[in-house]
Amino acid sequence: MTAAHPESSKVAGLVLAAGASRRLQGGSKLLLPYAGRPLVTAPVRAALEAGLDPVVVVVGHRGGEVRAALVSVEDATDRVRIGAVADPSLGQGASLAAGVEVLAAEPDVGAAAVLLGDEPGVRAADIRRVVEVWRRGGAAVVRARYRDRPGHPVVFDRSWFARLAGLTGDHGAGGLLETHRDDVIEARLPGTAPVDVDTREDYAVAARRVASERDGGVRP
């Protein structure tokens, strides 16, 4: 059981955007057009809109192009930081470790909300809800729980940063969450989880969903 966290304790964003897009034939999924902008900018903008500060974007594969895409994001100059992995094939664990290394130099950051760069449909309201549950205390880790499955964001208290910094491989923090179940609670969210864009088919679903929402539809 953890105590409540004051508003003065900042929650940073950590967007994992280093993947090599191996399952998407041709190009980088992070640079595909989505709602008129490069796909990777969508979760970054949601993080900024939710009030996360700073927002660390971990790049790797085609990192220069991903950095260039972020220039179009409002507030990026003031609030976005860049982390990097030299070898994107090392997996999500290495990306998390690289991002936490950047945040370790920010002493006023009390937690990090981890997002995926290939989940463009994540919403600022859902990020805020998960952060709110963390602020109330009760657990060091708060994981989003959508109607259909658990997902991102996952908010990690600073007390977990050392564990995250030691991660390697492609499974991210999943093993840690399983091992330390007593440290984890879920924040229930309405609607279904955002689409994780790994294939052309996933991309088509994500594009249809954002077009529907833009036209006044509601996420299933």
C-alpha atoms as a PDB file:
ATOM      1  CA  MET A   1       0.000   0.000   0.000  1.00  0.00           C
ATOM      2  CA  THR A   2       1.398   3.401  -0.981  1.00  0.00           C
ATOM      3  CA  ALA A   3       0.387   6.835   0.265  1.00  0.00           C
ATOM      4  CA  ALA A   4      -1.387   9.425  -1.868  1.00  0.00           C
ATOM      5  CA  HIS A   5       0.804  11.536  -4.124  1.00  0.00           C
ATOM      6  CA  PRO A   6       0.503  15.348  -4.129  1.00  0.00           C
ATOM      7  CA  GLU A   7      -0.113  17.379  -7.280  1.00  0.00           C
ATOM      8  CA  SER A   8       3.417  18.752  -6.923  1.00  0.00           C
ATOM      9  CA  SER A   9       4.763  15.293  -7.795  1.00  0.00           C
ATOM     10  CA  LYS A  10       5.090  15.406 -11.577  1.00  0.00           C
ATOM     11  CA  VAL A  11       4.078  12.515 -13.800  1.00  0.00           C
ATOM     12  CA  ALA A  12       6.179  12.185 -16.924  1.00  0.00           C
ATOM     13  CA  GLY A  13       5.253  10.483 -20.166  1.00  0.00           C
ATOM     14  CA  LEU A  14       7.398   7.747 -21.662  1.00  0.00           C
ATOM     15  CA  VAL A  15       6.542   6.920 -25.281  1.00  0.00           C
ATOM     16  CA  LEU A  16       8.250   3.841 -26.711  1.00  0.00           C
ATOM     17  CA  ALA A  17       8.969   4.527 -30.394  1.00  0.00           C
ATOM     18  CA  ALA A  18      12.120   2.569 -31.204  1.00  0.00           C
ATOM     19  CA  GLY A  19      10.698  -0.517 -32.934  1.00  0.00           C
ATOM     20  CA  ALA A  20      11.841  -1.683 -36.352  1.00  0.00           C
ATOM     21  CA  SER A  21       8.322  -2.296 -37.781  1.00  0.00           C
ATOM     22  CA  ARG A  22       9.330  -5.811 -38.850  1.00  0.00           C
ATOM     23  CA  ARG A  23       5.737  -6.992 -39.376  1.00  0.00           C
ATOM     24  CA  LEU A  24       4.819  -4.011 -41.531  1.00  0.00           C
ATOM     25  CA  GLN A  25       6.200  -4.542 -45.011  1.00  0.00           C
ATOM     26  CA  GLY A  26       7.726  -1.361 -46.340  1.00  0.00           C
ATOM     27  CA  GLY A  27       8.543   1.688 -44.261  1.00  0.00           C
ATOM     28  CA  SER A  28       8.047   2.590 -40.620  1.00  0.00           C
ATOM     29  CA  LYS A  29       4.616   2.293 -39.028  1.00  0.00           C
ATOM     30  CA  LEU A  30       5.436   5.285 -36.830  1.00  0.00           C
ATOM     31  CA  LEU A  31       5.665   7.534 -39.890  1.00  0.00           C
ATOM     32  CA  LEU A  32       2.442   6.424 -41.584  1.00  0.00           C
ATOM     33  CA  PRO A  33      -0.168   9.189 -41.952  1.00  0.00           C
ATOM     34  CA  TYR A  34      -2.757   9.229 -39.173  1.00  0.00           C
ATOM     35  CA  ALA A  35      -5.337  11.998 -38.861  1.00  0.00           C
ATOM     36  CA  GLY A  36      -3.167  14.122 -41.153  1.00  0.00           C
ATOM     37  CA  ARG A  37       0.080  13.703 -39.198  1.00  0.00           C
ATOM     38  CA  PRO A  38       2.757  11.046 -38.677  1.00  0.00           C
ATOM     39  CA  LEU A  39       1.280   8.258 -36.545  1.00  0.00           C
ATOM     40  CA  VAL A  40       3.856   8.565 -33.747  1.00  0.00           C
ATOM     41  CA  THR A  41       2.766  12.129 -33.022  1.00  0.00           C
ATOM     42  CA  ALA A  42      -0.699  10.986 -31.863  1.00  0.00           C
ATOM     43  CA  PRO A  43       0.334   9.355 -28.551  1.00  0.00           C
ATOM     44  CA  VAL A  44       2.827  12.161 -27.927  1.00  0.00           C
ATOM     45  CA  ARG A  45       0.108  14.785 -28.379  1.00  0.00           C
ATOM     46  CA  ALA A  46      -2.239  12.812 -26.112  1.00  0.00           C
ATOM     47  CA  ALA A  47       0.457  12.680 -23.434  1.00  0.00           C
ATOM     48  CA  LEU A  48       1.017  16.428 -23.643  1.00  0.00           C
ATOM     49  CA  GLU A  49      -2.726  17.133 -23.592  1.00  0.00           C
ATOM     50  CA  ALA A  50      -3.048  14.957 -20.488  1.00  0.00           C
ATOM     51  CA  GLY A  51      -0.516  17.173 -18.709  1.00  0.00           C
ATOM     52  CA  LEU A  52       2.420  14.757 -18.609  1.00  0.00           C
ATOM     53  CA  ASP A  53       5.673  16.654 -18.218  1.00  0.00           C
ATOM     54  CA  PRO A  54       8.216  15.988 -19.524  1.00  0.00           C
ATOM     55  CA  VAL A  55       7.353  13.514 -22.279  1.00  0.00           C
ATOM     56  CA  VAL A  56      10.291  11.289 -23.193  1.00  0.00           C
ATOM     57  CA  VAL A  57      10.140   9.665 -26.628  1.00  0.00           C
ATOM     58  CA  VAL A  58      12.521   6.734 -27.030  1.00  0.00           C
ATOM     59  CA  VAL A  59      13.648   6.376 -30.648  1.00  0.00           C
ATOM     60  CA  GLY A  60      15.719   3.784 -32.476  1.00  0.00           C
ATOM     61  CA  HIS A  61      14.792   2.521 -35.952  1.00  0.00           C
ATOM     62  CA  ARG A  62      14.729   5.520 -38.331  1.00  0.00           C
ATOM     63  CA  GLY A  63      15.216   7.686 -35.279  1.00  0.00           C
ATOM     64  CA  GLY A  64      16.140  10.802 -37.233  1.00  0.00           C
ATOM     65  CA  GLU A  65      12.859  10.739 -39.129  1.00  0.00           C
ATOM     66  CA  VAL A  66      10.869  10.140 -35.950  1.00  0.00           C
ATOM     67  CA  ARG A  67      12.596  13.110 -34.303  1.00  0.00           C
ATOM     68  CA  ALA A  68      11.791  15.267 -37.323  1.00  0.00           C
ATOM     69  CA  ALA A  69       8.128  14.226 -37.147  1.00  0.00           C
ATOM     70  CA  LEU A  70       7.916  15.400 -33.544  1.00  0.00           C
ATOM     71  CA  VAL A  71       8.818  18.962 -34.546  1.00  0.00           C
ATOM     72  CA  SER A  72       5.204  19.424 -35.678  1.00  0.00           C
ATOM     73  CA  VAL A  73       3.835  18.633 -32.207  1.00  0.00           C
ATOM     74  CA  GLU A  74       2.662  21.624 -30.186  1.00  0.00           C
ATOM     75  CA  ASP A  75       4.729  22.199 -27.000  1.00  0.00           C
ATOM     76  CA  ALA A  76       7.323  19.671 -28.207  1.00  0.00           C
ATOM     77  CA  THR A  77      10.202  22.136 -27.869  1.00  0.00           C
ATOM     78  CA  ASP A  78       9.525  22.823 -24.195  1.00  0.00           C
ATOM     79  CA  ARG A  79       8.292  19.469 -22.904  1.00  0.00           C
ATOM     80  CA  VAL A  80       9.528  16.642 -25.140  1.00  0.00           C
ATOM     81  CA  ARG A  81      12.836  14.907 -24.457  1.00  0.00           C
ATOM     82  CA  ILE A  82      14.474  12.249 -26.610  1.00  0.00           C
ATOM     83  CA  GLY A  83      15.949   8.967 -25.432  1.00  0.00           C
ATOM     84  CA  ALA A  84      17.609   6.528 -27.802  1.00  0.00           C
ATOM     85  CA  VAL A  85      18.507   2.873 -28.105  1.00  0.00           C
ATOM     86  CA  ALA A  86      21.488   2.017 -30.274  1.00  0.00           C
ATOM     87  CA  ASP A  87      20.042  -1.359 -31.283  1.00  0.00           C
ATOM     88  CA  PRO A  88      16.227  -1.456 -31.692  1.00  0.00           C
ATOM     89  CA  SER A  89      16.367  -5.261 -31.947  1.00  0.00           C
ATOM     90  CA  LEU A  90      17.072  -5.370 -28.207  1.00  0.00           C
ATOM     91  CA  GLY A  91      13.335  -4.976 -27.696  1.00  0.00           C
ATOM     92  CA  GLN A  92      10.869  -3.074 -25.572  1.00  0.00           C
ATOM     93  CA  GLY A  93      12.756  -3.739 -22.353  1.00  0.00           C
ATOM     94  CA  ALA A  94      15.789  -1.839 -23.633  1.00  0.00           C
ATOM     95  CA  SER A  95      13.542   1.044 -24.720  1.00  0.00           C
ATOM     96  CA  LEU A  96      11.992   1.279 -21.256  1.00  0.00           C
ATOM     97  CA  ALA A  97      15.438   1.273 -19.677  1.00  0.00           C
ATOM     98  CA  ALA A  98      16.613   4.063 -22.002  1.00  0.00           C
ATOM     99  CA  GLY A  99      13.594   6.202 -21.171  1.00  0.00           C
ATOM    100  CA  VAL A 100      13.962   5.705 -17.436  1.00  0.00           C
ATOM    101  CA  GLU A 101      17.612   6.736 -17.723  1.00  0.00           C
ATOM    102  CA  VAL A 102      16.461  10.118 -19.076  1.00  0.00           C
ATOM    103  CA  LEU A 103      13.864  10.510 -16.308  1.00  0.00           C
ATOM    104  CA  ALA A 104      16.369   9.647 -13.582  1.00  0.00           C
ATOM    105  CA  ALA A 105      17.867  13.100 -14.169  1.00  0.00           C
ATOM    106  CA  GLU A 106      14.488  14.749 -13.373  1.00  0.00           C
ATOM    107  CA  PRO A 107      14.286  14.714  -9.540  1.00  0.00           C
ATOM    108  CA  ASP A 108      10.794  16.244  -9.387  1.00  0.00           C
ATOM    109  CA  VAL A 109       9.275  13.421 -11.465  1.00  0.00           C
ATOM    110  CA  GLY A 110       7.369  11.083  -9.173  1.00  0.00           C
ATOM    111  CA  ALA A 111       6.103   8.622 -11.771  1.00  0.00           C
ATOM    112  CA  ALA A 112       6.116   7.780 -15.462  1.00  0.00           C
ATOM    113  CA  ALA A 113       3.125   6.918 -17.653  1.00  0.00           C
ATOM    114  CA  VAL A 114       4.326   4.466 -20.300  1.00  0.00           C
ATOM    115  CA  LEU A 115       2.675   4.653 -23.729  1.00  0.00           C
ATOM    116  CA  LEU A 116       3.342   2.871 -27.004  1.00  0.00           C
ATOM    117  CA  GLY A 117       4.315   4.887 -30.061  1.00  0.00           C
ATOM    118  CA  ASP A 118       2.316   2.519 -32.274  1.00  0.00           C
ATOM    119  CA  GLU A 119      -0.977   2.972 -30.372  1.00  0.00           C
ATOM    120  CA  PRO A 120      -2.184   6.253 -31.885  1.00  0.00           C
ATOM    121  CA  GLY A 121      -5.720   5.936 -30.521  1.00  0.00           C
ATOM    122  CA  VAL A 122      -4.804   6.446 -26.870  1.00  0.00           C
ATOM    123  CA  ARG A 123      -6.823   9.318 -25.397  1.00  0.00           C
ATOM    124  CA  ALA A 124      -5.758  12.111 -23.069  1.00  0.00           C
ATOM    125  CA  ALA A 125      -8.823  11.531 -20.875  1.00  0.00           C
ATOM    126  CA  ASP A 126      -7.821   7.908 -20.324  1.00  0.00           C
ATOM    127  CA  ILE A 127      -4.248   8.899 -19.486  1.00  0.00           C
ATOM    128  CA  ARG A 128      -5.532  11.425 -16.951  1.00  0.00           C
ATOM    129  CA  ARG A 129      -7.770   8.776 -15.375  1.00  0.00           C
ATOM    130  CA  VAL A 130      -4.891   6.341 -14.843  1.00  0.00           C
ATOM    131  CA  VAL A 131      -2.724   9.124 -13.388  1.00  0.00           C
ATOM    132  CA  GLU A 132      -5.570  10.120 -11.070  1.00  0.00           C
ATOM    133  CA  VAL A 133      -5.775   6.568  -9.694  1.00  0.00           C
ATOM    134  CA  TRP A 134      -2.008   6.588  -9.069  1.00  0.00           C
ATOM    135  CA  ARG A 135      -2.245   9.931  -7.262  1.00  0.00           C
ATOM    136  CA  ARG A 136      -4.817   8.506  -4.862  1.00  0.00           C
ATOM    137  CA  GLY A 137      -2.264   5.949  -3.693  1.00  0.00           C
ATOM    138  CA  GLY A 138      -2.765   2.297  -2.994  1.00  0.00           C
ATOM    139  CA  ALA A 139      -0.222   0.842  -5.416  1.00  0.00           C
ATOM    140  CA  ALA A 140       3.104   1.677  -7.021  1.00  0.00           C
ATOM    141  CA  VAL A 141       1.880   0.652 -10.476  1.00  0.00           C
ATOM    142  CA  VAL A 142      -1.465   1.468 -12.110  1.00  0.00           C
ATOM    143  CA  ARG A 143      -2.378  -0.248 -15.352  1.00  0.00           C
ATOM    144  CA  ALA A 144      -5.153   0.759 -17.732  1.00  0.00           C
ATOM    145  CA  ARG A 145      -7.974  -1.788 -18.001  1.00  0.00           C
ATOM    146  CA  TYR A 146     -10.212  -1.302 -21.029  1.00  0.00           C
ATOM    147  CA  ARG A 147     -13.440  -3.233 -21.597  1.00  0.00           C
ATOM    148  CA  ASP A 148     -11.702  -5.820 -23.758  1.00  0.00           C
ATOM    149  CA  ARG A 149      -8.224  -6.096 -22.253  1.00  0.00           C
ATOM    150  CA  PRO A 150      -5.554  -4.476 -20.100  1.00  0.00           C
ATOM    151  CA  GLY A 151      -3.292  -2.035 -21.903  1.00  0.00           C
ATOM    152  CA  HIS A 152      -1.503   1.306 -21.841  1.00  0.00           C
ATOM    153  CA  PRO A 153      -0.857   3.667 -20.236  1.00  0.00           C
ATOM    154  CA  VAL A 154       0.825   1.986 -17.312  1.00  0.00           C
ATOM    155  CA  VAL A 155       1.906   4.407 -14.587  1.00  0.00           C
ATOM    156  CA  PHE A 156       5.036   3.389 -12.671  1.00  0.00           C
ATOM    157  CA  ASP A 157       5.957   5.076  -9.401  1.00  0.00           C
ATOM    158  CA  ARG A 158       9.526   6.380  -9.226  1.00  0.00           C
ATOM    159  CA  SER A 159      10.264   3.615  -6.712  1.00  0.00           C
ATOM    160  CA  TRP A 160      10.088   1.237  -9.692  1.00  0.00           C
ATOM    161  CA  PHE A 161      12.541   3.129 -11.890  1.00  0.00           C
ATOM    162  CA  ALA A 162      15.544   1.033 -10.806  1.00  0.00           C
ATOM    163  CA  ARG A 163      13.693  -2.159 -11.770  1.00  0.00           C
ATOM    164  CA  LEU A 164      12.745  -0.745 -15.162  1.00  0.00           C
ATOM    165  CA  ALA A 165      16.317   0.408 -15.775  1.00  0.00           C
ATOM    166  CA  GLY A 166      17.473  -3.208 -15.640  1.00  0.00           C
ATOM    167  CA  LEU A 167      15.080  -4.498 -18.308  1.00  0.00           C
ATOM    168  CA  THR A 168      16.216  -6.182 -21.511  1.00  0.00           C
ATOM    169  CA  GLY A 169      14.493  -8.226 -24.200  1.00  0.00           C
ATOM    170  CA  ASP A 170      11.211  -7.807 -26.010  1.00  0.00           C
ATOM    171  CA  HIS A 171       8.730  -8.397 -23.207  1.00  0.00           C
ATOM    172  CA  GLY A 172       8.901  -4.992 -21.579  1.00  0.00           C
ATOM    173  CA  ALA A 173       7.742  -4.826 -17.984  1.00  0.00           C
ATOM    174  CA  GLY A 174       5.281  -7.729 -18.272  1.00  0.00           C
ATOM    175  CA  GLY A 175       7.443 -10.113 -16.288  1.00  0.00           C
ATOM    176  CA  LEU A 176       7.905  -7.585 -13.494  1.00  0.00           C
ATOM    177  CA  LEU A 177       4.174  -6.922 -13.296  1.00  0.00           C
ATOM    178  CA  GLU A 178       3.541 -10.653 -12.994  1.00  0.00           C
ATOM    179  CA  THR A 179       6.206 -11.110 -10.322  1.00  0.00           C
ATOM    180  CA  HIS A 180       5.056  -8.114  -8.264  1.00  0.00           C
ATOM    181  CA  ARG A 181       1.287  -8.450  -8.596  1.00  0.00           C
ATOM    182  CA  ASP A 182       0.705  -6.974  -5.142  1.00  0.00           C
ATOM    183  CA  ASP A 183       2.210  -3.674  -6.342  1.00  0.00           C
ATOM    184  CA  VAL A 184      -0.223  -3.376  -9.265  1.00  0.00           C
ATOM    185  CA  ILE A 185      -3.825  -2.172  -9.495  1.00  0.00           C
ATOM    186  CA  GLU A 186      -5.975  -1.477 -12.544  1.00  0.00           C
ATOM    187  CA  ALA A 187      -7.784   1.701 -13.559  1.00  0.00           C
ATOM    188  CA  ARG A 188     -11.038   0.815 -15.312  1.00  0.00           C
ATOM    189  CA  LEU A 189     -11.643   2.755 -18.522  1.00  0.00           C
ATOM    190  CA  PRO A 190     -14.644   2.962 -20.854  1.00  0.00           C
ATOM    191  CA  GLY A 191     -14.483   1.667 -24.390  1.00  0.00           C
ATOM    192  CA  THR A 192     -12.066  -0.717 -26.043  1.00  0.00           C
ATOM    193  CA  ALA A 193      -8.298  -0.524 -26.027  1.00  0.00           C
ATOM    194  CA  PRO A 194      -6.520   1.489 -28.720  1.00  0.00           C
ATOM    195  CA  VAL A 195      -5.319  -0.495 -31.733  1.00  0.00           C
ATOM    196  CA  ASP A 196      -1.694  -1.619 -31.564  1.00  0.00           C
ATOM    197  CA  VAL A 197      -0.471  -1.044 -35.125  1.00  0.00           C
ATOM    198  CA  ASP A 198       1.815  -3.899 -36.144  1.00  0.00           C
ATOM    199  CA  THR A 199       0.462  -4.801 -39.602  1.00  0.00           C
ATOM    200  CA  ARG A 200      -1.213  -3.088 -42.546  1.00  0.00           C
ATOM    201  CA  GLU A 201      -4.494  -4.580 -41.363  1.00  0.00           C
ATOM    202  CA  ASP A 202      -4.044  -3.043 -37.896  1.00  0.00           C
ATOM    203  CA  TYR A 203      -3.287   0.299 -39.520  1.00  0.00           C
ATOM    204  CA  ALA A 204      -6.478   0.131 -41.581  1.00  0.00           C
ATOM    205  CA  VAL A 205      -8.531  -0.552 -38.436  1.00  0.00           C
ATOM    206  CA  ALA A 206      -6.890   2.342 -36.573  1.00  0.00           C
ATOM    207  CA  ALA A 207      -7.460   4.707 -39.507  1.00  0.00           C
ATOM    208  CA  ARG A 208     -11.132   3.736 -39.763  1.00  0.00           C
ATOM    209  CA  ARG A 209     -11.607   4.203 -36.042  1.00  0.00           C
ATOM    210  CA  VAL A 210     -10.126   7.698 -35.945  1.00  0.00           C
ATOM    211  CA  ALA A 211     -12.169   8.698 -39.010  1.00  0.00           C
ATOM    212  CA  SER A 212     -15.341   7.475 -37.290  1.00  0.00           C
ATOM    213  CA  GLU A 213     -14.555   9.348 -34.083  1.00  0.00           C
ATOM    214  CA  ARG A 214     -13.739  12.493 -36.045  1.00  0.00           C
ATOM    215  CA  ASP A 215     -17.167  12.235 -37.696  1.00  0.00           C
ATOM    216  CA  GLY A 216     -18.906  12.034 -34.344  1.00  0.00           C
ATOM    217  CA  GLY A 217     -18.858   8.302 -33.790  1.00  0.00           C
ATOM    218  CA  VAL A 218     -18.069   6.665 -30.459  1.00  0.00           C
ATOM    219  CA  ARG A 219     -15.307   4.138 -29.905  1.00  0.00           C
ATOM    220  CA  PRO A 220     -16.843   0.653 -29.425  1.00  0.00           C
END
